[in-house]
Amino acid sequence: MIRELVIVSGKGGTGKTSVTASFAALAENGVLCDADVDAADLHLLMAPVVRERNAFMGGSIAAIRQDDCVECGRCLELCKFNAISEDFVIDPLSCEGCGVCVDLCPETAIDFTVQQCGEWYKSDTRFGPMVHARLGIAEENSGKLVSLVRQETRKLAEAKGCGIILTDGPPGIGCPVIASIGGATALVIIVEPTVSGLHDMQRVAELAAHFKVPGLVCVNKYDLNSDMTREIEEYAAKRNMQLVGRIPFDPVFTEAMIQGKSVLEQAPESEAAIALLDTWRKIMSSPSMNTMGIKDFSAVIQ
């Protein structure tokens, strides 16, 4: 059975991508997935070599065929976005792609062409295959692209006989997050010990509960605010969410990021690396993930 572990957070900048990269160094026989298509950055640490490039076709844009238009004005009445000018030309930047004018045009004089919104890729990395994507600037349908990336990742894992998928999820609780967690084996919620961090974690925890996906909690920079760390742990206990990690503040995260490496590669004997290894072991021994393997790093981390 293929298990999918999705690393999420209630906001950006909590360290989930750095944690994902470290987990990639520890995972045995895994596939990487970057589901943060709006602001993908896992590739900065993984240095993927693109093997397959594919267009992502997302929303449609309406366009009036002037030769067939009788200028009845029906489309002007219907458009709620003021995307159609008085001379019956549609502004592609204002068009929301709702399709109302297309469906209700008496002369069927409006085309509805699907647009390319971005690209998605299959790549090789030093830690195994990876599926990732790039959404175009100001393009929508990020949830649809996330779903596509996850589907292709699972197909790749099945084809290569891989046992685990590591997914770097998008931040927040919106459509891309919903698309990234449905059907996942477990979530690892990365949270910082602040008031806003606790609030963000609560929102993600409620979302995970709604979709019946087990949530695991990892506190990053836990030693910067012991009181808030305690509140986070108490909340996790009330929600029956397992605390799997307490990662200390460590400049090695920044150093590793600058070098394009994971923390495990940059400083395998650092406190952060040891904490990440312990976190991974707890995740793998959790009820939902306990059939998976782990690389032997005992010779590297003492």
Protein backbone atom coordinates (compact mmCIF):
# COMPACT_ATOMS: atom_id res chain seq x y z
CA MET A 1 0.00 0.00 0.00
CA ILE A 2 1.25 3.47 -0.90
CA ARG A 3 1.14 5.90 2.02
CA GLU A 4 0.99 9.65 1.45
CA LEU A 5 2.32 12.00 4.09
CA VAL A 6 1.35 15.64 3.50
CA ILE A 7 3.32 18.36 5.29
CA VAL A 8 1.14 21.44 5.80
CA SER A 9 0.96 24.63 7.85
CA GLY A 10 -1.60 27.30 8.59
CA LYS A 11 0.59 29.97 6.98
CA GLY A 12 3.67 30.30 4.83
CA GLY A 13 7.17 30.53 6.25
CA THR A 14 6.85 28.01 9.08
CA GLY A 15 9.57 25.74 7.66
CA LYS A 16 7.45 23.01 6.08
CA THR A 17 9.50 22.87 2.87
CA SER A 18 12.77 22.55 4.82
CA VAL A 19 11.17 19.81 6.92
CA THR A 20 9.91 18.05 3.78
CA ALA A 21 13.40 18.13 2.27
CA SER A 22 14.84 16.55 5.42
CA PHE A 23 12.17 13.87 5.40
CA ALA A 24 13.07 13.17 1.77
CA ALA A 25 16.63 12.44 2.89
CA LEU A 26 15.28 9.95 5.43
CA ALA A 27 12.51 8.27 3.47
CA GLU A 28 13.10 4.87 1.96
CA ASN A 29 11.76 4.23 -1.56
CA GLY A 30 9.72 7.43 -1.78
CA VAL A 31 8.34 9.87 -4.35
CA LEU A 32 8.31 13.63 -3.80
CA CYS A 33 5.35 15.85 -4.61
CA ASP A 34 5.28 19.64 -4.44
CA ALA A 35 1.61 20.59 -4.13
CA ASP A 36 2.32 24.24 -3.39
CA VAL A 37 1.81 25.19 -7.03
CA ASP A 38 1.14 28.90 -6.39
CA ALA A 39 4.58 29.42 -4.84
CA ALA A 40 6.52 26.21 -5.42
CA ASP A 41 9.95 26.15 -3.77
CA LEU A 42 10.78 22.51 -2.97
CA HIS A 43 12.75 22.44 -6.23
CA LEU A 44 15.17 24.97 -4.74
CA LEU A 45 16.36 22.31 -2.29
CA MET A 46 15.90 19.25 -4.49
CA ALA A 47 17.57 20.55 -7.70
CA PRO A 48 15.32 18.40 -9.90
CA VAL A 49 16.33 17.37 -13.41
CA VAL A 50 13.19 17.69 -15.51
CA ARG A 51 12.49 14.55 -17.54
CA GLU A 52 8.95 15.32 -18.69
CA ARG A 53 7.22 18.68 -19.20
CA ASN A 54 3.44 18.98 -19.65
CA ALA A 55 1.04 21.87 -20.22
CA PHE A 56 -1.68 22.46 -17.67
CA MET A 57 -4.92 23.54 -19.30
CA GLY A 58 -7.11 25.33 -16.80
CA GLY A 59 -9.95 27.81 -17.12
CA SER A 60 -11.57 29.09 -20.29
CA ILE A 61 -11.83 32.64 -21.67
CA ALA A 62 -14.77 33.84 -23.72
CA ALA A 63 -14.22 35.48 -27.12
CA ILE A 64 -16.93 36.90 -29.40
CA ARG A 65 -16.81 35.98 -33.09
CA GLN A 66 -17.49 39.36 -34.68
CA ASP A 67 -18.71 37.86 -37.96
CA ASP A 68 -21.49 35.96 -36.16
CA CYS A 69 -22.40 38.57 -33.56
CA VAL A 70 -25.63 40.53 -34.23
CA GLU A 71 -24.95 42.93 -31.34
CA CYS A 72 -28.21 42.10 -29.57
CA GLY A 73 -26.71 43.18 -26.24
CA ARG A 74 -27.67 40.05 -24.32
CA CYS A 75 -24.07 39.36 -23.27
CA LEU A 76 -23.73 42.92 -21.94
CA GLU A 77 -26.76 42.35 -19.74
CA LEU A 78 -25.50 38.99 -18.47
CA CYS A 79 -21.86 39.79 -17.70
CA LYS A 80 -21.47 40.67 -14.02
CA PHE A 81 -17.77 41.47 -14.41
CA ASN A 82 -18.05 44.28 -16.98
CA ALA A 83 -15.71 42.32 -19.24
CA ILE A 84 -17.56 43.14 -22.48
CA SER A 85 -17.16 46.54 -24.14
CA GLU A 86 -19.90 48.48 -25.94
CA ASP A 87 -18.44 47.35 -29.27
CA PHE A 88 -18.76 43.71 -28.15
CA VAL A 89 -15.13 42.86 -27.48
CA ILE A 90 -14.27 40.79 -24.40
CA ASP A 91 -11.36 41.90 -22.23
CA PRO A 92 -9.47 38.66 -21.37
CA LEU A 93 -8.12 40.21 -18.16
CA SER A 94 -11.60 41.04 -16.88
CA CYS A 95 -13.29 37.82 -18.02
CA GLU A 96 -13.75 35.41 -15.09
CA GLY A 97 -14.52 32.46 -17.36
CA CYS A 98 -17.97 31.82 -15.87
CA GLY A 99 -19.41 30.91 -19.29
CA VAL A 100 -22.81 32.57 -18.81
CA CYS A 101 -22.51 34.63 -21.99
CA VAL A 102 -21.45 31.52 -23.91
CA ASP A 103 -24.42 29.45 -22.77
CA LEU A 104 -27.06 32.15 -23.24
CA CYS A 105 -25.92 33.91 -26.43
CA PRO A 106 -28.93 33.67 -28.82
CA GLU A 107 -26.63 33.39 -31.84
CA THR A 108 -24.07 31.05 -30.19
CA ALA A 109 -21.47 33.56 -31.37
CA ILE A 110 -19.11 33.26 -28.41
CA ASP A 111 -16.23 30.80 -28.23
CA PHE A 112 -14.98 29.42 -24.91
CA THR A 113 -11.39 28.36 -25.44
CA VAL A 114 -9.48 26.49 -22.75
CA GLN A 115 -6.31 28.35 -21.76
CA GLN A 116 -2.90 27.08 -20.67
CA CYS A 117 -2.49 28.18 -17.04
CA GLY A 118 0.85 26.60 -16.25
CA GLU A 119 3.06 23.53 -16.51
CA TRP A 120 3.67 20.38 -14.51
CA TYR A 121 6.80 18.25 -14.49
CA LYS A 122 8.18 14.81 -13.74
CA SER A 123 11.76 15.07 -12.54
CA ASP A 124 14.60 13.13 -10.96
CA THR A 125 16.26 14.21 -7.72
CA ARG A 126 19.02 12.79 -5.55
CA PHE A 127 16.27 11.44 -3.26
CA GLY A 128 14.12 9.88 -5.97
CA PRO A 129 11.50 10.97 -8.48
CA MET A 130 9.52 14.16 -8.01
CA VAL A 131 6.33 15.63 -9.50
CA HIS A 132 5.92 19.40 -9.31
CA ALA A 133 4.29 22.27 -11.16
CA ARG A 134 4.30 25.98 -11.83
CA LEU A 135 1.09 27.97 -12.10
CA GLY A 136 1.17 31.01 -14.37
CA ILE A 137 1.19 34.52 -12.92
CA ALA A 138 -2.28 35.56 -11.68
CA GLU A 139 -3.79 32.31 -12.99
CA GLU A 140 -6.56 30.47 -11.19
CA ASN A 141 -7.44 26.77 -10.90
CA SER A 142 -4.59 26.07 -8.46
CA GLY A 143 -6.78 23.47 -6.73
CA LYS A 144 -7.25 21.65 -10.03
CA LEU A 145 -3.50 21.69 -10.65
CA VAL A 146 -2.81 20.38 -7.14
CA SER A 147 -5.19 17.48 -7.78
CA LEU A 148 -3.46 16.74 -11.08
CA VAL A 149 0.00 16.79 -9.50
CA ARG A 150 -1.11 14.41 -6.74
CA GLN A 151 -2.73 12.03 -9.23
CA GLU A 152 0.39 11.93 -11.37
CA THR A 153 2.55 11.41 -8.29
CA ARG A 154 0.50 8.40 -7.27
CA LYS A 155 0.69 6.95 -10.79
CA LEU A 156 4.45 7.39 -10.71
CA ALA A 157 4.72 5.76 -7.29
CA GLU A 158 2.67 2.79 -8.49
CA ALA A 159 4.75 2.44 -11.65
CA LYS A 160 8.04 2.50 -9.74
CA GLY A 161 6.81 0.38 -6.83
CA CYS A 162 7.43 3.13 -4.27
CA GLY A 163 5.90 2.82 -0.82
CA ILE A 164 5.58 6.42 0.33
CA ILE A 165 4.70 9.81 -1.13
CA LEU A 166 6.03 12.92 0.59
CA THR A 167 3.89 15.92 -0.32
CA ASP A 168 4.91 19.49 0.42
CA GLY A 169 1.48 21.05 0.80
CA PRO A 170 0.38 24.67 0.34
CA PRO A 171 -0.18 26.92 3.35
CA GLY A 172 -3.53 27.98 4.76
CA ILE A 173 -6.90 26.23 4.53
CA GLY A 174 -8.15 27.27 1.08
CA CYS A 175 -8.94 25.33 -2.07
CA PRO A 176 -5.32 24.25 -2.82
CA VAL A 177 -5.00 22.85 0.72
CA ILE A 178 -8.28 20.97 0.45
CA ALA A 179 -7.08 19.52 -2.87
CA SER A 180 -3.79 18.46 -1.27
CA ILE A 181 -5.12 16.58 1.78
CA GLY A 182 -8.12 14.61 0.54
CA GLY A 183 -7.35 10.91 0.72
CA ALA A 184 -3.95 11.43 2.36
CA THR A 185 -2.71 8.88 4.88
CA ALA A 186 -1.69 11.53 7.43
CA LEU A 187 -0.86 15.21 7.78
CA VAL A 188 2.10 16.70 9.57
CA ILE A 189 1.13 20.18 10.73
CA ILE A 190 4.17 22.43 11.14
CA VAL A 191 3.44 25.13 13.70
CA GLU A 192 5.48 27.92 15.29
CA PRO A 193 5.02 28.78 19.01
CA THR A 194 3.11 32.04 18.61
CA VAL A 195 -0.48 33.10 19.19
CA SER A 196 -1.10 33.28 15.44
CA GLY A 197 0.68 29.97 14.99
CA LEU A 198 -1.70 28.27 17.41
CA HIS A 199 -4.69 29.83 15.67
CA ASP A 200 -3.45 28.71 12.26
CA MET A 201 -2.87 25.19 13.55
CA GLN A 202 -6.40 25.05 14.95
CA ARG A 203 -7.85 25.91 11.54
CA VAL A 204 -5.78 23.22 9.80
CA ALA A 205 -6.68 20.70 12.52
CA GLU A 206 -10.39 21.38 11.97
CA LEU A 207 -9.93 20.94 8.23
CA ALA A 208 -8.11 17.65 8.74
CA ALA A 209 -10.86 16.43 11.06
CA HIS A 210 -13.52 17.35 8.50
CA PHE A 211 -11.82 15.21 5.86
CA LYS A 212 -11.05 12.47 8.40
CA VAL A 213 -7.30 12.63 7.83
CA PRO A 214 -5.13 11.96 10.92
CA GLY A 215 -3.20 15.03 12.00
CA LEU A 216 0.28 14.93 13.54
CA VAL A 217 1.79 18.05 15.14
CA CYS A 218 5.38 19.25 14.87
CA VAL A 219 6.44 22.44 16.68
CA ASN A 220 9.22 24.28 14.88
CA LYS A 221 11.43 26.68 16.91
CA TYR A 222 9.74 25.32 20.02
CA ASP A 223 12.40 26.78 22.33
CA LEU A 224 11.64 30.40 21.39
CA ASN A 225 8.42 30.46 23.42
CA SER A 226 7.97 27.65 25.92
CA ASP A 227 4.57 28.92 27.11
CA MET A 228 3.08 28.88 23.61
CA THR A 229 4.68 25.50 22.90
CA ARG A 230 2.90 24.15 25.98
CA GLU A 231 -0.44 25.60 24.79
CA ILE A 232 0.05 24.02 21.37
CA GLU A 233 0.81 20.65 22.92
CA GLU A 234 -2.23 20.90 25.21
CA TYR A 235 -4.48 21.71 22.27
CA ALA A 236 -3.05 18.79 20.29
CA ALA A 237 -3.73 16.46 23.23
CA LYS A 238 -7.35 17.66 23.46
CA ARG A 239 -7.84 16.92 19.77
CA ASN A 240 -6.15 13.51 20.11
CA MET A 241 -3.43 14.64 17.71
CA GLN A 242 -0.04 13.05 18.26
CA LEU A 243 2.89 15.37 18.96
CA VAL A 244 5.65 13.97 16.75
CA GLY A 245 8.30 16.69 16.90
CA ARG A 246 9.88 19.55 18.77
CA ILE A 247 12.48 21.16 16.53
CA PRO A 248 14.73 23.81 18.10
CA PHE A 249 15.57 27.13 16.52
CA ASP A 250 18.79 26.58 14.59
CA PRO A 251 20.52 28.80 11.98
CA VAL A 252 21.45 25.61 10.13
CA PHE A 253 18.05 25.76 8.42
CA THR A 254 19.04 29.00 6.72
CA GLU A 255 22.55 27.74 5.97
CA ALA A 256 21.14 24.59 4.35
CA MET A 257 18.64 26.60 2.32
CA ILE A 258 21.39 28.86 0.98
CA GLN A 259 23.38 25.78 -0.09
CA GLY A 260 20.35 24.14 -1.68
CA LYS A 261 20.50 21.22 0.75
CA SER A 262 18.43 19.60 3.44
CA VAL A 263 19.40 20.07 7.08
CA LEU A 264 20.41 16.39 7.22
CA GLU A 265 22.93 16.97 4.44
CA GLN A 266 24.20 20.33 5.64
CA ALA A 267 24.77 19.52 9.31
CA PRO A 268 23.88 15.90 10.16
CA GLU A 269 25.11 16.22 13.75
CA SER A 270 23.28 19.46 14.56
CA GLU A 271 20.49 19.62 17.14
CA ALA A 272 17.99 20.36 14.39
CA ALA A 273 19.06 17.30 12.37
CA ILE A 274 18.77 15.04 15.42
CA ALA A 275 15.32 16.47 16.20
CA LEU A 276 14.21 15.91 12.60
CA LEU A 277 15.41 12.31 12.71
CA ASP A 278 13.48 11.75 15.95
CA THR A 279 10.40 13.38 14.40
CA TRP A 280 10.61 11.10 11.37
CA ARG A 281 10.89 8.02 13.57
CA LYS A 282 7.78 9.04 15.52
CA ILE A 283 5.86 9.66 12.31
CA MET A 284 6.83 6.28 10.90
CA SER A 285 5.80 4.57 14.13
CA SER A 286 2.43 6.36 14.29
CA PRO A 287 -0.66 4.13 13.76
CA SER A 288 -1.26 5.35 10.20
CA MET A 289 2.34 5.15 8.99
CA ASN A 290 3.96 2.37 10.98
CA THR A 291 4.50 0.00 8.06
CA MET A 292 7.07 2.22 6.40
CA GLY A 293 10.85 2.00 6.47
CA ILE A 294 13.58 4.46 7.33
CA LYS A 295 17.11 4.82 6.10
CA ASP A 296 19.84 3.93 8.56
CA PHE A 297 21.40 7.24 9.57
CA SER A 298 22.91 5.91 12.77
CA ALA A 299 26.38 6.02 11.24
CA VAL A 300 25.91 9.67 10.38
CA ILE A 301 24.02 11.00 13.39
CA GLN A 302 25.39 9.97 16.74
